[in-house]
Amino acid sequence: MNIQTFGFILTGILLNAVAQLLLKKGTNAVGAIHLNAENWLSTGLQLATQLPIIGGLSCYVISVVVWIIGLSRVDVTIAYPLLSIGYIVNAIGAWYFLGEVMSLQRMLAIGIIIIGVALLVKS
């Protein structure tokens, strides 16, 4: 995999991770969602007007385009496991930006993912 292809793959992964963080920020502003027949429309409108959710959805759309470009250049057996980088970015971003807990167990799991991704990239 050349640097340009890796750039497309990594950009797609990072945009996807940013999308997750923005969606979570938007849902934090709304609170826990409990849909039923009476509130589905008002809840949907409330979510649709949250700027972080709009930003997150925009990042998703762009990430899909970039991902398709990268995927056209590399085997899916390499590209798809690289999505694990998103787990690392999301965990760190959730801790840093959203104040979520980063326990020792979570840090160890992230370390294992990093080792796996490194092995994959070396193959």
PDB file of N, CA and C in Angstrom:
ATOM      1  N   MET A   1       0.858  -1.174   0.000  1.00  0.00           N
ATOM      2  CA  MET A   1       0.000   0.000   0.000  1.00  0.00           C
ATOM      3  C   MET A   1       0.901   1.234   0.000  1.00  0.00           C
ATOM      4  N   ASN A   2       0.660   2.112  -0.946  1.00  0.00           N
ATOM      5  CA  ASN A   2       1.472   3.328  -1.005  1.00  0.00           C
ATOM      6  C   ASN A   2       0.910   4.391  -0.063  1.00  0.00           C
ATOM      7  N   ILE A   3       1.653   5.470   0.084  1.00  0.00           N
ATOM      8  CA  ILE A   3       1.289   6.510   1.051  1.00  0.00           C
ATOM      9  C   ILE A   3      -0.025   7.202   0.688  1.00  0.00           C
ATOM     10  N   GLN A   4      -0.276   7.384  -0.603  1.00  0.00           N
ATOM     11  CA  GLN A   4      -1.517   8.036  -1.021  1.00  0.00           C
ATOM     12  C   GLN A   4      -2.728   7.164  -0.681  1.00  0.00           C
ATOM     13  N   THR A   5      -2.622   5.877  -0.949  1.00  0.00           N
ATOM     14  CA  THR A   5      -3.712   4.956  -0.621  1.00  0.00           C
ATOM     15  C   THR A   5      -3.932   4.907   0.887  1.00  0.00           C
ATOM     16  N   PHE A   6      -2.836   4.821   1.644  1.00  0.00           N
ATOM     17  CA  PHE A   6      -2.955   4.829   3.096  1.00  0.00           C
ATOM     18  C   PHE A   6      -3.598   6.125   3.571  1.00  0.00           C
ATOM     19  N   GLY A   7      -3.278   7.224   2.901  1.00  0.00           N
ATOM     20  CA  GLY A   7      -3.885   8.509   3.246  1.00  0.00           C
ATOM     21  C   GLY A   7      -5.390   8.503   3.060  1.00  0.00           C
ATOM     22  N   PHE A   8      -5.866   7.918   1.962  1.00  0.00           N
ATOM     23  CA  PHE A   8      -7.313   7.824   1.752  1.00  0.00           C
ATOM     24  C   PHE A   8      -7.960   6.942   2.818  1.00  0.00           C
ATOM     25  N   ILE A   9      -7.355   5.803   3.083  1.00  0.00           N
ATOM     26  CA  ILE A   9      -7.905   4.884   4.092  1.00  0.00           C
ATOM     27  C   ILE A   9      -7.935   5.563   5.460  1.00  0.00           C
ATOM     28  N   LEU A  10      -6.816   6.174   5.843  1.00  0.00           N
ATOM     29  CA  LEU A  10      -6.745   6.818   7.153  1.00  0.00           C
ATOM     30  C   LEU A  10      -7.709   8.003   7.251  1.00  0.00           C
ATOM     31  N   THR A  11      -7.829   8.785   6.197  1.00  0.00           N
ATOM     32  CA  THR A  11      -8.764   9.909   6.206  1.00  0.00           C
ATOM     33  C   THR A  11     -10.194   9.416   6.377  1.00  0.00           C
ATOM     34  N   GLY A  12     -10.547   8.356   5.683  1.00  0.00           N
ATOM     35  CA  GLY A  12     -11.885   7.781   5.841  1.00  0.00           C
ATOM     36  C   GLY A  12     -12.131   7.312   7.271  1.00  0.00           C
ATOM     37  N   ILE A  13     -11.126   6.676   7.851  1.00  0.00           N
ATOM     38  CA  ILE A  13     -11.238   6.187   9.229  1.00  0.00           C
ATOM     39  C   ILE A  13     -11.379   7.349  10.210  1.00  0.00           C
ATOM     40  N   LEU A  14     -10.557   8.366  10.048  1.00  0.00           N
ATOM     41  CA  LEU A  14     -10.598   9.516  10.963  1.00  0.00           C
ATOM     42  C   LEU A  14     -11.903  10.294  10.833  1.00  0.00           C
ATOM     43  N   LEU A  15     -12.397  10.463   9.610  1.00  0.00           N
ATOM     44  CA  LEU A  15     -13.685  11.144   9.430  1.00  0.00           C
ATOM     45  C   LEU A  15     -14.817  10.347  10.083  1.00  0.00           C
ATOM     46  N   ASN A  16     -14.740   9.031   9.981  1.00  0.00           N
ATOM     47  CA  ASN A  16     -15.743   8.184  10.616  1.00  0.00           C
ATOM     48  C   ASN A  16     -15.678   8.335  12.132  1.00  0.00           C
ATOM     49  N   ALA A  17     -14.474   8.386  12.678  1.00  0.00           N
ATOM     50  CA  ALA A  17     -14.316   8.545  14.129  1.00  0.00           C
ATOM     51  C   ALA A  17     -14.831   9.908  14.589  1.00  0.00           C
ATOM     52  N   VAL A  18     -14.527  10.949  13.853  1.00  0.00           N
ATOM     53  CA  VAL A  18     -15.021  12.289  14.185  1.00  0.00           C
ATOM     54  C   VAL A  18     -16.545  12.304  14.121  1.00  0.00           C
ATOM     55  N   ALA A  19     -17.102  11.614  13.123  1.00  0.00           N
ATOM     56  CA  ALA A  19     -18.559  11.529  13.011  1.00  0.00           C
ATOM     57  C   ALA A  19     -19.158  10.934  14.276  1.00  0.00           C
ATOM     58  N   GLN A  20     -18.567   9.862  14.785  1.00  0.00           N
ATOM     59  CA  GLN A  20     -19.072   9.225  16.013  1.00  0.00           C
ATOM     60  C   GLN A  20     -19.040  10.190  17.190  1.00  0.00           C
ATOM     61  N   LEU A  21     -17.936  10.899  17.328  1.00  0.00           N
ATOM     62  CA  LEU A  21     -17.807  11.837  18.448  1.00  0.00           C
ATOM     63  C   LEU A  21     -18.816  12.978  18.338  1.00  0.00           C
ATOM     64  N   LEU A  22     -19.020  13.479  17.137  1.00  0.00           N
ATOM     65  CA  LEU A  22     -20.009  14.543  16.949  1.00  0.00           C
ATOM     66  C   LEU A  22     -21.425  14.046  17.208  1.00  0.00           C
ATOM     67  N   LEU A  23     -21.731  12.843  16.739  1.00  0.00           N
ATOM     68  CA  LEU A  23     -23.069  12.288  16.991  1.00  0.00           C
ATOM     69  C   LEU A  23     -23.306  12.116  18.488  1.00  0.00           C
ATOM     70  N   LYS A  24     -22.299  11.662  19.201  1.00  0.00           N
ATOM     71  CA  LYS A  24     -22.431  11.499  20.651  1.00  0.00           C
ATOM     72  C   LYS A  24     -22.619  12.855  21.334  1.00  0.00           C
ATOM     73  N   LYS A  25     -21.865  13.841  20.889  1.00  0.00           N
ATOM     74  CA  LYS A  25     -22.026  15.194  21.461  1.00  0.00           C
ATOM     75  C   LYS A  25     -23.440  15.702  21.226  1.00  0.00           C
ATOM     76  N   GLY A  26     -23.974  15.465  20.039  1.00  0.00           N
ATOM     77  CA  GLY A  26     -25.342  15.876  19.738  1.00  0.00           C
ATOM     78  C   GLY A  26     -26.377  15.154  20.567  1.00  0.00           C
ATOM     79  N   THR A  27     -26.177  13.850  20.767  1.00  0.00           N
ATOM     80  CA  THR A  27     -27.142  13.110  21.584  1.00  0.00           C
ATOM     81  C   THR A  27     -27.008  13.467  23.058  1.00  0.00           C
ATOM     82  N   ASN A  28     -25.805  13.841  23.484  1.00  0.00           N
ATOM     83  CA  ASN A  28     -25.653  14.294  24.874  1.00  0.00           C
ATOM     84  C   ASN A  28     -26.495  15.540  25.119  1.00  0.00           C
ATOM     85  N   ALA A  29     -26.587  16.415  24.119  1.00  0.00           N
ATOM     86  CA  ALA A  29     -27.380  17.639  24.261  1.00  0.00           C
ATOM     87  C   ALA A  29     -28.869  17.327  24.344  1.00  0.00           C
ATOM     88  N   VAL A  30     -29.288  16.261  23.681  1.00  0.00           N
ATOM     89  CA  VAL A  30     -30.710  15.883  23.669  1.00  0.00           C
ATOM     90  C   VAL A  30     -31.065  15.033  24.879  1.00  0.00           C
ATOM     91  N   GLY A  31     -30.146  14.181  25.298  1.00  0.00           N
ATOM     92  CA  GLY A  31     -30.403  13.244  26.385  1.00  0.00           C
ATOM     93  C   GLY A  31     -30.786  11.885  25.838  1.00  0.00           C
ATOM     94  N   ALA A  32     -31.098  10.972  26.732  1.00  0.00           N
ATOM     95  CA  ALA A  32     -31.461   9.610  26.332  1.00  0.00           C
ATOM     96  C   ALA A  32     -32.699   9.650  25.434  1.00  0.00           C
ATOM     97  N   ILE A  33     -32.647   8.895  24.365  1.00  0.00           N
ATOM     98  CA  ILE A  33     -33.747   8.888  23.389  1.00  0.00           C
ATOM     99  C   ILE A  33     -34.628   7.674  23.651  1.00  0.00           C
ATOM    100  N   HIS A  34     -35.900   7.936  23.835  1.00  0.00           N
ATOM    101  CA  HIS A  34     -36.901   6.881  24.029  1.00  0.00           C
ATOM    102  C   HIS A  34     -38.020   7.151  23.040  1.00  0.00           C
ATOM    103  N   LEU A  35     -37.956   6.481  21.904  1.00  0.00           N
ATOM    104  CA  LEU A  35     -38.954   6.724  20.861  1.00  0.00           C
ATOM    105  C   LEU A  35     -40.240   5.964  21.126  1.00  0.00           C
ATOM    106  N   ASN A  36     -41.339   6.617  20.813  1.00  0.00           N
ATOM    107  CA  ASN A  36     -42.648   5.965  20.817  1.00  0.00           C
ATOM    108  C   ASN A  36     -43.503   6.640  19.755  1.00  0.00           C
ATOM    109  N   ALA A  37     -44.723   6.191  19.603  1.00  0.00           N
ATOM    110  CA  ALA A  37     -45.598   6.701  18.548  1.00  0.00           C
ATOM    111  C   ALA A  37     -45.876   8.194  18.697  1.00  0.00           C
ATOM    112  N   GLU A  38     -45.862   8.699  19.908  1.00  0.00           N
ATOM    113  CA  GLU A  38     -46.192  10.100  20.138  1.00  0.00           C
ATOM    114  C   GLU A  38     -45.018  11.051  19.936  1.00  0.00           C
ATOM    115  N   ASN A  39     -43.794  10.596  20.180  1.00  0.00           N
ATOM    116  CA  ASN A  39     -42.671  11.540  20.191  1.00  0.00           C
ATOM    117  C   ASN A  39     -41.650  11.341  19.075  1.00  0.00           C
ATOM    118  N   TRP A  40     -41.852  10.404  18.191  1.00  0.00           N
ATOM    119  CA  TRP A  40     -40.820  10.120  17.192  1.00  0.00           C
ATOM    120  C   TRP A  40     -40.546  11.315  16.280  1.00  0.00           C
ATOM    121  N   LEU A  41     -41.583  12.051  15.896  1.00  0.00           N
ATOM    122  CA  LEU A  41     -41.380  13.190  15.007  1.00  0.00           C
ATOM    123  C   LEU A  41     -40.668  14.338  15.728  1.00  0.00           C
ATOM    124  N   SER A  42     -41.127  14.674  16.917  1.00  0.00           N
ATOM    125  CA  SER A  42     -40.498  15.782  17.650  1.00  0.00           C
ATOM    126  C   SER A  42     -39.058  15.430  18.039  1.00  0.00           C
ATOM    127  N   THR A  43     -38.824  14.180  18.393  1.00  0.00           N
ATOM    128  CA  THR A  43     -37.462  13.751  18.719  1.00  0.00           C
ATOM    129  C   THR A  43     -36.582  13.810  17.477  1.00  0.00           C
ATOM    130  N   GLY A  44     -37.100  13.362  16.351  1.00  0.00           N
ATOM    131  CA  GLY A  44     -36.351  13.421  15.101  1.00  0.00           C
ATOM    132  C   GLY A  44     -36.002  14.845  14.712  1.00  0.00           C
ATOM    133  N   LEU A  45     -36.943  15.745  14.874  1.00  0.00           N
ATOM    134  CA  LEU A  45     -36.681  17.161  14.567  1.00  0.00           C
ATOM    135  C   LEU A  45     -35.663  17.758  15.528  1.00  0.00           C
ATOM    136  N   GLN A  46     -35.767  17.380  16.784  1.00  0.00           N
ATOM    137  CA  GLN A  46     -34.806  17.878  17.770  1.00  0.00           C
ATOM    138  C   GLN A  46     -33.391  17.405  17.429  1.00  0.00           C
ATOM    139  N   LEU A  47     -33.265  16.141  17.034  1.00  0.00           N
ATOM    140  CA  LEU A  47     -31.961  15.613  16.647  1.00  0.00           C
ATOM    141  C   LEU A  47     -31.452  16.262  15.363  1.00  0.00           C
ATOM    142  N   ALA A  48     -32.358  16.457  14.404  1.00  0.00           N
ATOM    143  CA  ALA A  48     -31.979  17.006  13.100  1.00  0.00           C
ATOM    144  C   ALA A  48     -31.500  18.449  13.182  1.00  0.00           C
ATOM    145  N   THR A  49     -31.817  19.128  14.267  1.00  0.00           N
ATOM    146  CA  THR A  49     -31.406  20.528  14.402  1.00  0.00           C
ATOM    147  C   THR A  49     -30.154  20.697  15.273  1.00  0.00           C
ATOM    148  N   GLN A  50     -29.612  19.609  15.754  1.00  0.00           N
ATOM    149  CA  GLN A  50     -28.379  19.677  16.546  1.00  0.00           C
ATOM    150  C   GLN A  50     -27.183  19.813  15.610  1.00  0.00           C
ATOM    151  N   LEU A  51     -26.434  20.887  15.725  1.00  0.00           N
ATOM    152  CA  LEU A  51     -25.279  21.106  14.846  1.00  0.00           C
ATOM    153  C   LEU A  51     -24.259  19.974  14.899  1.00  0.00           C
ATOM    154  N   PRO A  52     -23.952  19.420  16.088  1.00  0.00           N
ATOM    155  CA  PRO A  52     -23.003  18.295  16.084  1.00  0.00           C
ATOM    156  C   PRO A  52     -23.525  17.089  15.298  1.00  0.00           C
ATOM    157  N   ILE A  53     -24.814  16.856  15.324  1.00  0.00           N
ATOM    158  CA  ILE A  53     -25.364  15.734  14.568  1.00  0.00           C
ATOM    159  C   ILE A  53     -25.288  16.021  13.071  1.00  0.00           C
ATOM    160  N   ILE A  54     -25.590  17.230  12.672  1.00  0.00           N
ATOM    161  CA  ILE A  54     -25.459  17.603  11.259  1.00  0.00           C
ATOM    162  C   ILE A  54     -24.002  17.451  10.818  1.00  0.00           C
ATOM    163  N   GLY A  55     -23.080  17.916  11.645  1.00  0.00           N
ATOM    164  CA  GLY A  55     -21.657  17.764  11.341  1.00  0.00           C
ATOM    165  C   GLY A  55     -21.231  16.312  11.277  1.00  0.00           C
ATOM    166  N   GLY A  56     -21.725  15.503  12.212  1.00  0.00           N
ATOM    167  CA  GLY A  56     -21.392  14.081  12.225  1.00  0.00           C
ATOM    168  C   GLY A  56     -21.884  13.365  10.983  1.00  0.00           C
ATOM    169  N   LEU A  57     -23.112  13.658  10.587  1.00  0.00           N
ATOM    170  CA  LEU A  57     -23.650  13.040   9.381  1.00  0.00           C
ATOM    171  C   LEU A  57     -22.872  13.489   8.141  1.00  0.00           C
ATOM    172  N   SER A  58     -22.474  14.751   8.118  1.00  0.00           N
ATOM    173  CA  SER A  58     -21.656  15.253   7.001  1.00  0.00           C
ATOM    174  C   SER A  58     -20.318  14.526   6.944  1.00  0.00           C
ATOM    175  N   CYS A  59     -19.702  14.325   8.103  1.00  0.00           N
ATOM    176  CA  CYS A  59     -18.435  13.585   8.141  1.00  0.00           C
ATOM    177  C   CYS A  59     -18.625  12.160   7.635  1.00  0.00           C
ATOM    178  N   TYR A  60     -19.755  11.542   7.983  1.00  0.00           N
ATOM    179  CA  TYR A  60     -20.031  10.188   7.493  1.00  0.00           C
ATOM    180  C   TYR A  60     -20.092  10.154   5.971  1.00  0.00           C
ATOM    181  N   VAL A  61     -20.809  11.093   5.379  1.00  0.00           N
ATOM    182  CA  VAL A  61     -20.949  11.116   3.921  1.00  0.00           C
ATOM    183  C   VAL A  61     -19.577  11.260   3.263  1.00  0.00           C
ATOM    184  N   ILE A  62     -18.777  12.188   3.752  1.00  0.00           N
ATOM    185  CA  ILE A  62     -17.447  12.401   3.180  1.00  0.00           C
ATOM    186  C   ILE A  62     -16.563  11.174   3.414  1.00  0.00           C
ATOM    187  N   SER A  63     -16.681  10.576   4.599  1.00  0.00           N
ATOM    188  CA  SER A  63     -15.848   9.404   4.903  1.00  0.00           C
ATOM    189  C   SER A  63     -16.163   8.240   3.972  1.00  0.00           C
ATOM    190  N   VAL A  64     -17.415   8.082   3.594  1.00  0.00           N
ATOM    191  CA  VAL A  64     -17.780   6.998   2.675  1.00  0.00           C
ATOM    192  C   VAL A  64     -17.144   7.225   1.308  1.00  0.00           C
ATOM    193  N   VAL A  65     -17.174   8.447   0.824  1.00  0.00           N
ATOM    194  CA  VAL A  65     -16.571   8.758  -0.480  1.00  0.00           C
ATOM    195  C   VAL A  65     -15.066   8.482  -0.441  1.00  0.00           C
ATOM    196  N   VAL A  66     -14.399   8.989   0.590  1.00  0.00           N
ATOM    197  CA  VAL A  66     -12.958   8.799   0.719  1.00  0.00           C
ATOM    198  C   VAL A  66     -12.623   7.320   0.901  1.00  0.00           C
ATOM    199  N   TRP A  67     -13.432   6.619   1.687  1.00  0.00           N
ATOM    200  CA  TRP A  67     -13.222   5.189   1.931  1.00  0.00           C
ATOM    201  C   TRP A  67     -13.335   4.398   0.628  1.00  0.00           C
ATOM    202  N   ILE A  68     -14.320   4.711  -0.187  1.00  0.00           N
ATOM    203  CA  ILE A  68     -14.495   4.007  -1.463  1.00  0.00           C
ATOM    204  C   ILE A  68     -13.276   4.214  -2.355  1.00  0.00           C
ATOM    205  N   ILE A  69     -12.749   5.432  -2.372  1.00  0.00           N
ATOM    206  CA  ILE A  69     -11.539   5.696  -3.166  1.00  0.00           C
ATOM    207  C   ILE A  69     -10.383   4.829  -2.662  1.00  0.00           C
ATOM    208  N   GLY A  70     -10.179   4.809  -1.345  1.00  0.00           N
ATOM    209  CA  GLY A  70      -9.114   3.990  -0.775  1.00  0.00           C
ATOM    210  C   GLY A  70      -9.336   2.511  -1.010  1.00  0.00           C
ATOM    211  N   LEU A  71     -10.572   2.082  -0.850  1.00  0.00           N
ATOM    212  CA  LEU A  71     -10.899   0.664  -1.019  1.00  0.00           C
ATOM    213  C   LEU A  71     -10.686   0.197  -2.453  1.00  0.00           C
ATOM    214  N   SER A  72     -10.823   1.104  -3.406  1.00  0.00           N
ATOM    215  CA  SER A  72     -10.606   0.736  -4.806  1.00  0.00           C
ATOM    216  C   SER A  72      -9.130   0.445  -5.090  1.00  0.00           C
ATOM    217  N   ARG A  73      -8.255   0.795  -4.134  1.00  0.00           N
ATOM    218  CA  ARG A  73      -6.813   0.670  -4.357  1.00  0.00           C
ATOM    219  C   ARG A  73      -6.134  -0.395  -3.504  1.00  0.00           C
ATOM    220  N   VAL A  74      -6.866  -1.000  -2.581  1.00  0.00           N
ATOM    221  CA  VAL A  74      -6.235  -1.950  -1.662  1.00  0.00           C
ATOM    222  C   VAL A  74      -7.216  -3.088  -1.363  1.00  0.00           C
ATOM    223  N   ASP A  75      -6.671  -4.238  -1.021  1.00  0.00           N
ATOM    224  CA  ASP A  75      -7.513  -5.385  -0.678  1.00  0.00           C
ATOM    225  C   ASP A  75      -8.357  -5.086   0.557  1.00  0.00           C
ATOM    226  N   VAL A  76      -9.562  -5.566   0.539  1.00  0.00           N
ATOM    227  CA  VAL A  76     -10.453  -5.362   1.689  1.00  0.00           C
ATOM    228  C   VAL A  76      -9.912  -6.079   2.929  1.00  0.00           C
ATOM    229  N   THR A  77      -9.120  -7.129   2.731  1.00  0.00           N
ATOM    230  CA  THR A  77      -8.537  -7.837   3.885  1.00  0.00           C
ATOM    231  C   THR A  77      -7.492  -6.997   4.601  1.00  0.00           C
ATOM    232  N   ILE A  78      -7.001  -5.961   3.948  1.00  0.00           N
ATOM    233  CA  ILE A  78      -6.100  -5.001   4.588  1.00  0.00           C
ATOM    234  C   ILE A  78      -6.891  -3.795   5.088  1.00  0.00           C
ATOM    235  N   ALA A  79      -7.736  -3.238   4.229  1.00  0.00           N
ATOM    236  CA  ALA A  79      -8.446  -1.999   4.553  1.00  0.00           C
ATOM    237  C   ALA A  79      -9.412  -2.165   5.725  1.00  0.00           C
ATOM    238  N   TYR A  80     -10.239  -3.203   5.689  1.00  0.00           N
ATOM    239  CA  TYR A  80     -11.286  -3.316   6.699  1.00  0.00           C
ATOM    240  C   TYR A  80     -10.728  -3.456   8.120  1.00  0.00           C
ATOM    241  N   PRO A  81      -9.727  -4.299   8.343  1.00  0.00           N
ATOM    242  CA  PRO A  81      -9.169  -4.354   9.704  1.00  0.00           C
ATOM    243  C   PRO A  81      -8.553  -3.039  10.168  1.00  0.00           C
ATOM    244  N   LEU A  82      -8.115  -2.197   9.217  1.00  0.00           N
ATOM    245  CA  LEU A  82      -7.567  -0.905   9.610  1.00  0.00           C
ATOM    246  C   LEU A  82      -8.622  -0.001  10.244  1.00  0.00           C
ATOM    247  N   LEU A  83      -9.884  -0.335  10.052  1.00  0.00           N
ATOM    248  CA  LEU A  83     -10.945   0.426  10.724  1.00  0.00           C
ATOM    249  C   LEU A  83     -10.787   0.401  12.243  1.00  0.00           C
ATOM    250  N   SER A  84     -10.019  -0.567  12.735  1.00  0.00           N
ATOM    251  CA  SER A  84      -9.759  -0.643  14.178  1.00  0.00           C
ATOM    252  C   SER A  84      -9.073   0.613  14.701  1.00  0.00           C
ATOM    253  N   ILE A  85      -8.384   1.330  13.826  1.00  0.00           N
ATOM    254  CA  ILE A  85      -7.769   2.596  14.236  1.00  0.00           C
ATOM    255  C   ILE A  85      -8.855   3.544  14.758  1.00  0.00           C
ATOM    256  N   GLY A  86     -10.054   3.439  14.184  1.00  0.00           N
ATOM    257  CA  GLY A  86     -11.171   4.263  14.637  1.00  0.00           C
ATOM    258  C   GLY A  86     -11.522   4.014  16.094  1.00  0.00           C
ATOM    259  N   TYR A  87     -11.380   2.764  16.561  1.00  0.00           N
ATOM    260  CA  TYR A  87     -11.644   2.465  17.972  1.00  0.00           C
ATOM    261  C   TYR A  87     -10.693   3.252  18.863  1.00  0.00           C
ATOM    262  N   ILE A  88      -9.446   3.319  18.447  1.00  0.00           N
ATOM    263  CA  ILE A  88      -8.431   4.023  19.232  1.00  0.00           C
ATOM    264  C   ILE A  88      -8.735   5.516  19.256  1.00  0.00           C
ATOM    265  N   VAL A  89      -8.985   6.075  18.086  1.00  0.00           N
ATOM    266  CA  VAL A  89      -9.278   7.510  17.981  1.00  0.00           C
ATOM    267  C   VAL A  89     -10.532   7.861  18.782  1.00  0.00           C
ATOM    268  N   ASN A  90     -11.559   7.024  18.672  1.00  0.00           N
ATOM    269  CA  ASN A  90     -12.800   7.295  19.399  1.00  0.00           C
ATOM    270  C   ASN A  90     -12.617   7.216  20.901  1.00  0.00           C
ATOM    271  N   ALA A  91     -11.878   6.239  21.363  1.00  0.00           N
ATOM    272  CA  ALA A  91     -11.672   6.105  22.807  1.00  0.00           C
ATOM    273  C   ALA A  91     -10.921   7.315  23.356  1.00  0.00           C
ATOM    274  N   ILE A  92      -9.874   7.722  22.663  1.00  0.00           N
ATOM    275  CA  ILE A  92      -9.098   8.882  23.117  1.00  0.00           C
ATOM    276  C   ILE A  92      -9.937  10.158  22.995  1.00  0.00           C
ATOM    277  N   GLY A  93     -10.648  10.296  21.887  1.00  0.00           N
ATOM    278  CA  GLY A  93     -11.502  11.474  21.700  1.00  0.00           C
ATOM    279  C   GLY A  93     -12.625  11.555  22.716  1.00  0.00           C
ATOM    280  N   ALA A  94     -13.238  10.412  23.027  1.00  0.00           N
ATOM    281  CA  ALA A  94     -14.315  10.394  24.020  1.00  0.00           C
ATOM    282  C   ALA A  94     -13.784  10.764  25.406  1.00  0.00           C
ATOM    283  N   TRP A  95     -12.587  10.308  25.704  1.00  0.00           N
ATOM    284  CA  TRP A  95     -11.974  10.666  26.987  1.00  0.00           C
ATOM    285  C   TRP A  95     -11.641  12.158  27.019  1.00  0.00           C
ATOM    286  N   TYR A  96     -11.008  12.644  25.958  1.00  0.00           N
ATOM    287  CA  TYR A  96     -10.518  14.023  25.938  1.00  0.00           C
ATOM    288  C   TYR A  96     -11.645  15.049  25.757  1.00  0.00           C
ATOM    289  N   PHE A  97     -12.528  14.810  24.805  1.00  0.00           N
ATOM    290  CA  PHE A  97     -13.549  15.802  24.459  1.00  0.00           C
ATOM    291  C   PHE A  97     -14.868  15.622  25.208  1.00  0.00           C
ATOM    292  N   LEU A  98     -15.198  14.383  25.556  1.00  0.00           N
ATOM    293  CA  LEU A  98     -16.502  14.135  26.170  1.00  0.00           C
ATOM    294  C   LEU A  98     -16.412  13.769  27.647  1.00  0.00           C
ATOM    295  N   GLY A  99     -15.193  13.636  28.168  1.00  0.00           N
ATOM    296  CA  GLY A  99     -15.019  13.339  29.585  1.00  0.00           C
ATOM    297  C   GLY A  99     -15.364  11.912  29.973  1.00  0.00           C
ATOM    298  N   GLU A 100     -15.342  10.994  28.995  1.00  0.00           N
ATOM    299  CA  GLU A 100     -15.636   9.601  29.320  1.00  0.00           C
ATOM    300  C   GLU A 100     -14.450   8.963  30.034  1.00  0.00           C
ATOM    301  N   VAL A 101     -14.717   7.926  30.791  1.00  0.00           N
ATOM    302  CA  VAL A 101     -13.699   7.270  31.611  1.00  0.00           C
ATOM    303  C   VAL A 101     -12.774   6.425  30.736  1.00  0.00           C
ATOM    304  N   MET A 102     -11.469   6.514  31.001  1.00  0.00           N
ATOM    305  CA  MET A 102     -10.483   5.685  30.325  1.00  0.00           C
ATOM    306  C   MET A 102      -9.856   4.782  31.382  1.00  0.00           C
ATOM    307  N   SER A 103     -10.447   3.616  31.582  1.00  0.00           N
ATOM    308  CA  SER A 103      -9.981   2.690  32.604  1.00  0.00           C
ATOM    309  C   SER A 103      -8.745   1.929  32.124  1.00  0.00           C
ATOM    310  N   LEU A 104      -8.080   1.254  33.040  1.00  0.00           N
ATOM    311  CA  LEU A 104      -6.916   0.445  32.698  1.00  0.00           C
ATOM    312  C   LEU A 104      -7.299  -0.645  31.693  1.00  0.00           C
ATOM    313  N   GLN A 105      -8.440  -1.259  31.887  1.00  0.00           N
ATOM    314  CA  GLN A 105      -8.886  -2.307  30.981  1.00  0.00           C
ATOM    315  C   GLN A 105      -9.083  -1.755  29.566  1.00  0.00           C
ATOM    316  N   ARG A 106      -9.650  -0.591  29.446  1.00  0.00           N
ATOM    317  CA  ARG A 106      -9.832   0.033  28.130  1.00  0.00           C
ATOM    318  C   ARG A 106      -8.483   0.376  27.505  1.00  0.00           C
ATOM    319  N   MET A 107      -7.544   0.869  28.312  1.00  0.00           N
ATOM    320  CA  MET A 107      -6.219   1.196  27.779  1.00  0.00           C
ATOM    321  C   MET A 107      -5.502  -0.061  27.290  1.00  0.00           C
ATOM    322  N   LEU A 108      -5.635  -1.159  28.027  1.00  0.00           N
ATOM    323  CA  LEU A 108      -5.023  -2.418  27.590  1.00  0.00           C
ATOM    324  C   LEU A 108      -5.640  -2.898  26.281  1.00  0.00           C
ATOM    325  N   ALA A 109      -6.948  -2.786  26.176  1.00  0.00           N
ATOM    326  CA  ALA A 109      -7.627  -3.193  24.944  1.00  0.00           C
ATOM    327  C   ALA A 109      -7.153  -2.348  23.768  1.00  0.00           C
ATOM    328  N   ILE A 110      -6.980  -1.066  23.975  1.00  0.00           N
ATOM    329  CA  ILE A 110      -6.472  -0.182  22.921  1.00  0.00           C
ATOM    330  C   ILE A 110      -5.051  -0.589  22.541  1.00  0.00           C
ATOM    331  N   GLY A 111      -4.244  -0.942  23.514  1.00  0.00           N
ATOM    332  CA  GLY A 111      -2.882  -1.408  23.238  1.00  0.00           C
ATOM    333  C   GLY A 111      -2.872  -2.652  22.366  1.00  0.00           C
ATOM    334  N   ILE A 112      -3.774  -3.572  22.639  1.00  0.00           N
ATOM    335  CA  ILE A 112      -3.881  -4.795  21.830  1.00  0.00           C
ATOM    336  C   ILE A 112      -4.294  -4.446  20.401  1.00  0.00           C
ATOM    337  N   ILE A 113      -5.220  -3.514  20.262  1.00  0.00           N
ATOM    338  CA  ILE A 113      -5.640  -3.083  18.924  1.00  0.00           C
ATOM    339  C   ILE A 113      -4.465  -2.468  18.175  1.00  0.00           C
ATOM    340  N   ILE A 114      -3.683  -1.641  18.853  1.00  0.00           N
ATOM    341  CA  ILE A 114      -2.519  -1.001  18.221  1.00  0.00           C
ATOM    342  C   ILE A 114      -1.539  -2.060  17.726  1.00  0.00           C
ATOM    343  N   ILE A 115      -1.288  -3.068  18.544  1.00  0.00           N
ATOM    344  CA  ILE A 115      -0.379  -4.141  18.130  1.00  0.00           C
ATOM    345  C   ILE A 115      -0.938  -4.857  16.905  1.00  0.00           C
ATOM    346  N   GLY A 116      -2.226  -5.141  16.912  1.00  0.00           N
ATOM    347  CA  GLY A 116      -2.858  -5.813  15.767  1.00  0.00           C
ATOM    348  C   GLY A 116      -2.772  -4.994  14.499  1.00  0.00           C
ATOM    349  N   VAL A 117      -3.041  -3.703  14.589  1.00  0.00           N
ATOM    350  CA  VAL A 117      -2.967  -2.828  13.410  1.00  0.00           C
ATOM    351  C   VAL A 117      -1.528  -2.763  12.904  1.00  0.00           C
ATOM    352  N   ALA A 118      -0.559  -2.659  13.812  1.00  0.00           N
ATOM    353  CA  ALA A 118       0.849  -2.615  13.397  1.00  0.00           C
ATOM    354  C   ALA A 118       1.238  -3.888  12.660  1.00  0.00           C
ATOM    355  N   LEU A 119       0.810  -5.038  13.165  1.00  0.00           N
ATOM    356  CA  LEU A 119       1.097  -6.300  12.490  1.00  0.00           C
ATOM    357  C   LEU A 119       0.462  -6.345  11.112  1.00  0.00           C
ATOM    358  N   LEU A 120      -0.751  -5.842  11.018  1.00  0.00           N
ATOM    359  CA  LEU A 120      -1.469  -5.835   9.742  1.00  0.00           C
ATOM    360  C   LEU A 120      -0.777  -4.956   8.705  1.00  0.00           C
ATOM    361  N   VAL A 121      -0.375  -3.772   9.120  1.00  0.00           N
ATOM    362  CA  VAL A 121       0.263  -2.836   8.191  1.00  0.00           C
ATOM    363  C   VAL A 121       1.606  -3.397   7.714  1.00  0.00           C
ATOM    364  N   LYS A 122       2.310  -4.097   8.589  1.00  0.00           N
ATOM    365  CA  LYS A 122       3.605  -4.689   8.217  1.00  0.00           C
ATOM    366  C   LYS A 122       3.443  -5.826   7.222  1.00  0.00           C
ATOM    367  N   SER A 123       2.268  -6.449   7.181  1.00  0.00           N
ATOM    368  CA  SER A 123       2.080  -7.599   6.270  1.00  0.00           C
ATOM    369  C   SER A 123       2.022  -7.093   4.896  1.00  0.00           C
TER     370      SER A 123
END
